[in-house]
Structure formats: C-alpha cells, structure tokens
Amino acid sequence: MKKVGKIRKGSCITVIGKTWLHRSAGNTYNSFKVFVNNVFIYSEEGTYGSDYENRAVTSMCKRGLIPNECIRWSNFDERYKNLFICTEVKREKDLDKNNFEMLTKKASQKR
C-alpha cells in the first residue's frame, strides 16, 4: 500500500473490482483495488456482497483519503473524476491475476 494523504479535488480515482459466486454457500463475494491518478494505493480482498463501489468509497473515507461527505454519491461525483470497472467470474478459482492486471492497464489507457 502506498502512503498517501488526502486525495485532491479533481483527482482521477479508479476502482477495479472483482465479484464471484461461492456456489456451495450461495454467496457473492468481492474485492477491489484503488488507484489515484493511475498509481496503485491499496486493495481489499474477499468480502461478502457485490457492492464493491460502496465499499471502496466508504473505505477511502475511513482511511481519511476523501472527506466524509463523499459517502454520498452526488458529492463524490462532483468532486472527483472516477471510473469503476468490474469483472465478474463464476467461481473464485476462475479469478486470474493477469486478467485483473489487464483491466488495470485498460483503465489507465482510458485516461
């Protein structure tokens, strides 16, 4: 994890998420990586649910990277350029780190 202070207004925040279904339990799980201006900041792995976008924004608030009022999506959208990308796989063992890295490269090329 790269040590970073508050993210400046107008910065480009990219969140790349992965979701998968755990068939035997019937639950959906997700993980995500956060990039600011195409620099990797941190990631969170394997949490229950499919709402990686909300988890990412809440996590950034808790870490002090963005102001608490940004938990509301309208405030987040006004303040930052953002891009959320998600890849869905059928099973956890189908998660491919190379695929995750490919998404990261595509996201940085869109900027």
C-alpha atoms as a PDB file:
ATOM      1  CA  MET A   1       0.000   0.000   0.000  1.00  0.00           C
ATOM      2  CA  LYS A   2       1.321   3.388  -0.969  1.00  0.00           C
ATOM      3  CA  LYS A   3       1.149   6.003   1.772  1.00  0.00           C
ATOM      4  CA  VAL A   4      -0.923   8.917   0.570  1.00  0.00           C
ATOM      5  CA  GLY A   5      -2.609  11.903   2.207  1.00  0.00           C
ATOM      6  CA  LYS A   6      -5.976  13.336   1.293  1.00  0.00           C
ATOM      7  CA  ILE A   7      -6.832  12.931  -2.364  1.00  0.00           C
ATOM      8  CA  ARG A   8      -7.093  16.325  -4.054  1.00  0.00           C
ATOM      9  CA  LYS A   9     -10.287  17.559  -5.632  1.00  0.00           C
ATOM     10  CA  GLY A  10     -10.299  16.775  -9.354  1.00  0.00           C
ATOM     11  CA  SER A  11      -8.012  13.741  -8.994  1.00  0.00           C
ATOM     12  CA  CYS A  12      -8.792  10.660 -11.032  1.00  0.00           C
ATOM     13  CA  ILE A  13      -9.908   7.758  -8.837  1.00  0.00           C
ATOM     14  CA  THR A  14     -10.118   4.344 -10.500  1.00  0.00           C
ATOM     15  CA  VAL A  15     -11.621   1.376  -8.669  1.00  0.00           C
ATOM     16  CA  ILE A  16     -11.280  -2.051 -10.251  1.00  0.00           C
ATOM     17  CA  GLY A  17     -13.490  -4.668  -8.648  1.00  0.00           C
ATOM     18  CA  LYS A  18     -13.888  -8.424  -8.926  1.00  0.00           C
ATOM     19  CA  THR A  19     -17.011 -10.341  -7.939  1.00  0.00           C
ATOM     20  CA  TRP A  20     -17.580 -14.077  -7.776  1.00  0.00           C
ATOM     21  CA  LEU A  21     -20.144 -16.582  -6.583  1.00  0.00           C
ATOM     22  CA  HIS A  22     -19.289 -19.179  -3.965  1.00  0.00           C
ATOM     23  CA  ARG A  23     -21.572 -21.950  -5.179  1.00  0.00           C
ATOM     24  CA  SER A  24     -21.656 -24.191  -2.128  1.00  0.00           C
ATOM     25  CA  ALA A  25     -22.613 -21.319   0.179  1.00  0.00           C
ATOM     26  CA  GLY A  26     -24.582 -19.456  -2.484  1.00  0.00           C
ATOM     27  CA  ASN A  27     -22.957 -16.147  -1.550  1.00  0.00           C
ATOM     28  CA  THR A  28     -21.437 -13.436  -3.710  1.00  0.00           C
ATOM     29  CA  TYR A  29     -18.045 -12.023  -2.731  1.00  0.00           C
ATOM     30  CA  ASN A  30     -15.972  -9.115  -3.994  1.00  0.00           C
ATOM     31  CA  SER A  31     -12.581  -7.477  -3.802  1.00  0.00           C
ATOM     32  CA  PHE A  32     -11.212  -4.268  -5.279  1.00  0.00           C
ATOM     33  CA  LYS A  33      -8.119  -2.183  -5.974  1.00  0.00           C
ATOM     34  CA  VAL A  34      -7.976   1.613  -5.723  1.00  0.00           C
ATOM     35  CA  PHE A  35      -5.801   3.769  -7.985  1.00  0.00           C
ATOM     36  CA  VAL A  36      -5.385   7.547  -7.806  1.00  0.00           C
ATOM     37  CA  ASN A  37      -4.065   9.218 -10.951  1.00  0.00           C
ATOM     38  CA  ASN A  38      -3.075   5.723 -12.191  1.00  0.00           C
ATOM     39  CA  VAL A  39      -0.980   4.966  -9.085  1.00  0.00           C
ATOM     40  CA  PHE A  40      -1.966   1.916  -7.001  1.00  0.00           C
ATOM     41  CA  ILE A  41      -2.987   2.965  -3.484  1.00  0.00           C
ATOM     42  CA  TYR A  42      -4.473  -0.107  -1.764  1.00  0.00           C
ATOM     43  CA  SER A  43      -6.736  -3.128  -2.145  1.00  0.00           C
ATOM     44  CA  GLU A  44      -9.247  -5.075  -0.085  1.00  0.00           C
ATOM     45  CA  GLU A  45      -9.835  -8.766  -0.619  1.00  0.00           C
ATOM     46  CA  GLY A  46     -12.736 -11.179  -0.441  1.00  0.00           C
ATOM     47  CA  THR A  47     -15.653  -9.562   1.356  1.00  0.00           C
ATOM     48  CA  TYR A  48     -19.260 -10.748   1.291  1.00  0.00           C
ATOM     49  CA  GLY A  49     -21.610  -8.999  -1.174  1.00  0.00           C
ATOM     50  CA  SER A  50     -21.379  -7.432  -4.592  1.00  0.00           C
ATOM     51  CA  ASP A  51     -21.288  -3.738  -3.658  1.00  0.00           C
ATOM     52  CA  TYR A  52     -17.574  -3.098  -4.198  1.00  0.00           C
ATOM     53  CA  GLU A  53     -18.268   0.503  -5.311  1.00  0.00           C
ATOM     54  CA  ASN A  54     -19.838   1.495  -1.989  1.00  0.00           C
ATOM     55  CA  ARG A  55     -17.181  -0.396  -0.022  1.00  0.00           C
ATOM     56  CA  ALA A  56     -14.417   1.402  -1.916  1.00  0.00           C
ATOM     57  CA  VAL A  57     -15.837   4.883  -1.254  1.00  0.00           C
ATOM     58  CA  THR A  58     -16.586   4.078   2.406  1.00  0.00           C
ATOM     59  CA  SER A  59     -13.103   2.616   2.812  1.00  0.00           C
ATOM     60  CA  MET A  60     -11.485   5.742   1.343  1.00  0.00           C
ATOM     61  CA  CYS A  61     -13.467   7.874   3.825  1.00  0.00           C
ATOM     62  CA  LYS A  62     -12.446   5.695   6.788  1.00  0.00           C
ATOM     63  CA  ARG A  63      -8.786   5.893   5.733  1.00  0.00           C
ATOM     64  CA  GLY A  64      -9.045   9.703   5.559  1.00  0.00           C
ATOM     65  CA  LEU A  65      -8.314   9.824   1.835  1.00  0.00           C
ATOM     66  CA  ILE A  66     -11.536  11.637   0.935  1.00  0.00           C
ATOM     67  CA  PRO A  67     -13.911  13.771   3.045  1.00  0.00           C
ATOM     68  CA  ASN A  68     -16.776  12.025   4.837  1.00  0.00           C
ATOM     69  CA  GLU A  69     -19.394  13.920   2.836  1.00  0.00           C
ATOM     70  CA  CYS A  70     -18.216  11.967  -0.223  1.00  0.00           C
ATOM     71  CA  ILE A  71     -20.013   8.868   1.068  1.00  0.00           C
ATOM     72  CA  ARG A  72     -22.985  10.429  -0.734  1.00  0.00           C
ATOM     73  CA  TRP A  73     -22.509   9.596  -4.413  1.00  0.00           C
ATOM     74  CA  SER A  74     -23.534  13.055  -5.640  1.00  0.00           C
ATOM     75  CA  ASN A  75     -20.719  14.645  -3.604  1.00  0.00           C
ATOM     76  CA  PHE A  76     -18.210  12.031  -4.778  1.00  0.00           C
ATOM     77  CA  ASP A  77     -19.131  12.528  -8.456  1.00  0.00           C
ATOM     78  CA  GLU A  78     -18.876  16.326  -8.200  1.00  0.00           C
ATOM     79  CA  ARG A  79     -15.506  16.259  -6.510  1.00  0.00           C
ATOM     80  CA  TYR A  80     -13.544  13.540  -8.358  1.00  0.00           C
ATOM     81  CA  LYS A  81     -13.182  12.085 -11.821  1.00  0.00           C
ATOM     82  CA  ASN A  82     -13.976   8.440 -11.266  1.00  0.00           C
ATOM     83  CA  LEU A  83     -14.047   5.185 -13.120  1.00  0.00           C
ATOM     84  CA  PHE A  84     -15.419   1.923 -11.748  1.00  0.00           C
ATOM     85  CA  ILE A  85     -14.624  -1.291 -13.605  1.00  0.00           C
ATOM     86  CA  CYS A  86     -15.802  -4.718 -12.532  1.00  0.00           C
ATOM     87  CA  THR A  87     -15.032  -8.184 -13.784  1.00  0.00           C
ATOM     88  CA  GLU A  88     -17.386 -10.995 -12.807  1.00  0.00           C
ATOM     89  CA  VAL A  89     -16.351 -14.628 -12.714  1.00  0.00           C
ATOM     90  CA  LYS A  90     -18.396 -17.739 -11.988  1.00  0.00           C
ATOM     91  CA  ARG A  91     -16.089 -19.197  -9.351  1.00  0.00           C
ATOM     92  CA  GLU A  92     -13.373 -17.916  -7.057  1.00  0.00           C
ATOM     93  CA  LYS A  93     -10.806 -20.239  -8.666  1.00  0.00           C
ATOM     94  CA  ASP A  94     -11.540 -18.520 -12.007  1.00  0.00           C
ATOM     95  CA  LEU A  95     -10.062 -15.283 -10.685  1.00  0.00           C
ATOM     96  CA  ASP A  96      -6.995 -14.562 -12.733  1.00  0.00           C
ATOM     97  CA  LYS A  97      -4.433 -12.020 -11.571  1.00  0.00           C
ATOM     98  CA  ASN A  98      -3.366 -11.455 -15.174  1.00  0.00           C
ATOM     99  CA  ASN A  99      -6.943 -10.525 -16.089  1.00  0.00           C
ATOM    100  CA  PHE A 100      -7.012  -8.112 -13.151  1.00  0.00           C
ATOM    101  CA  GLU A 101      -3.763  -6.525 -14.337  1.00  0.00           C
ATOM    102  CA  MET A 102      -5.123  -6.283 -17.890  1.00  0.00           C
ATOM    103  CA  LEU A 103      -8.115  -4.307 -16.597  1.00  0.00           C
ATOM    104  CA  THR A 104      -5.727  -2.019 -14.739  1.00  0.00           C
ATOM    105  CA  LYS A 105      -3.796  -1.298 -17.950  1.00  0.00           C
ATOM    106  CA  LYS A 106      -7.021  -0.659 -19.906  1.00  0.00           C
ATOM    107  CA  ALA A 107      -8.231   1.741 -17.217  1.00  0.00           C
ATOM    108  CA  SER A 108      -5.019   3.750 -17.351  1.00  0.00           C
ATOM    109  CA  GLN A 109      -5.225   3.926 -21.169  1.00  0.00           C
ATOM    110  CA  LYS A 110      -8.739   5.426 -20.972  1.00  0.00           C
ATOM    111  CA  ARG A 111      -7.338   8.462 -19.181  1.00  0.00           C
END
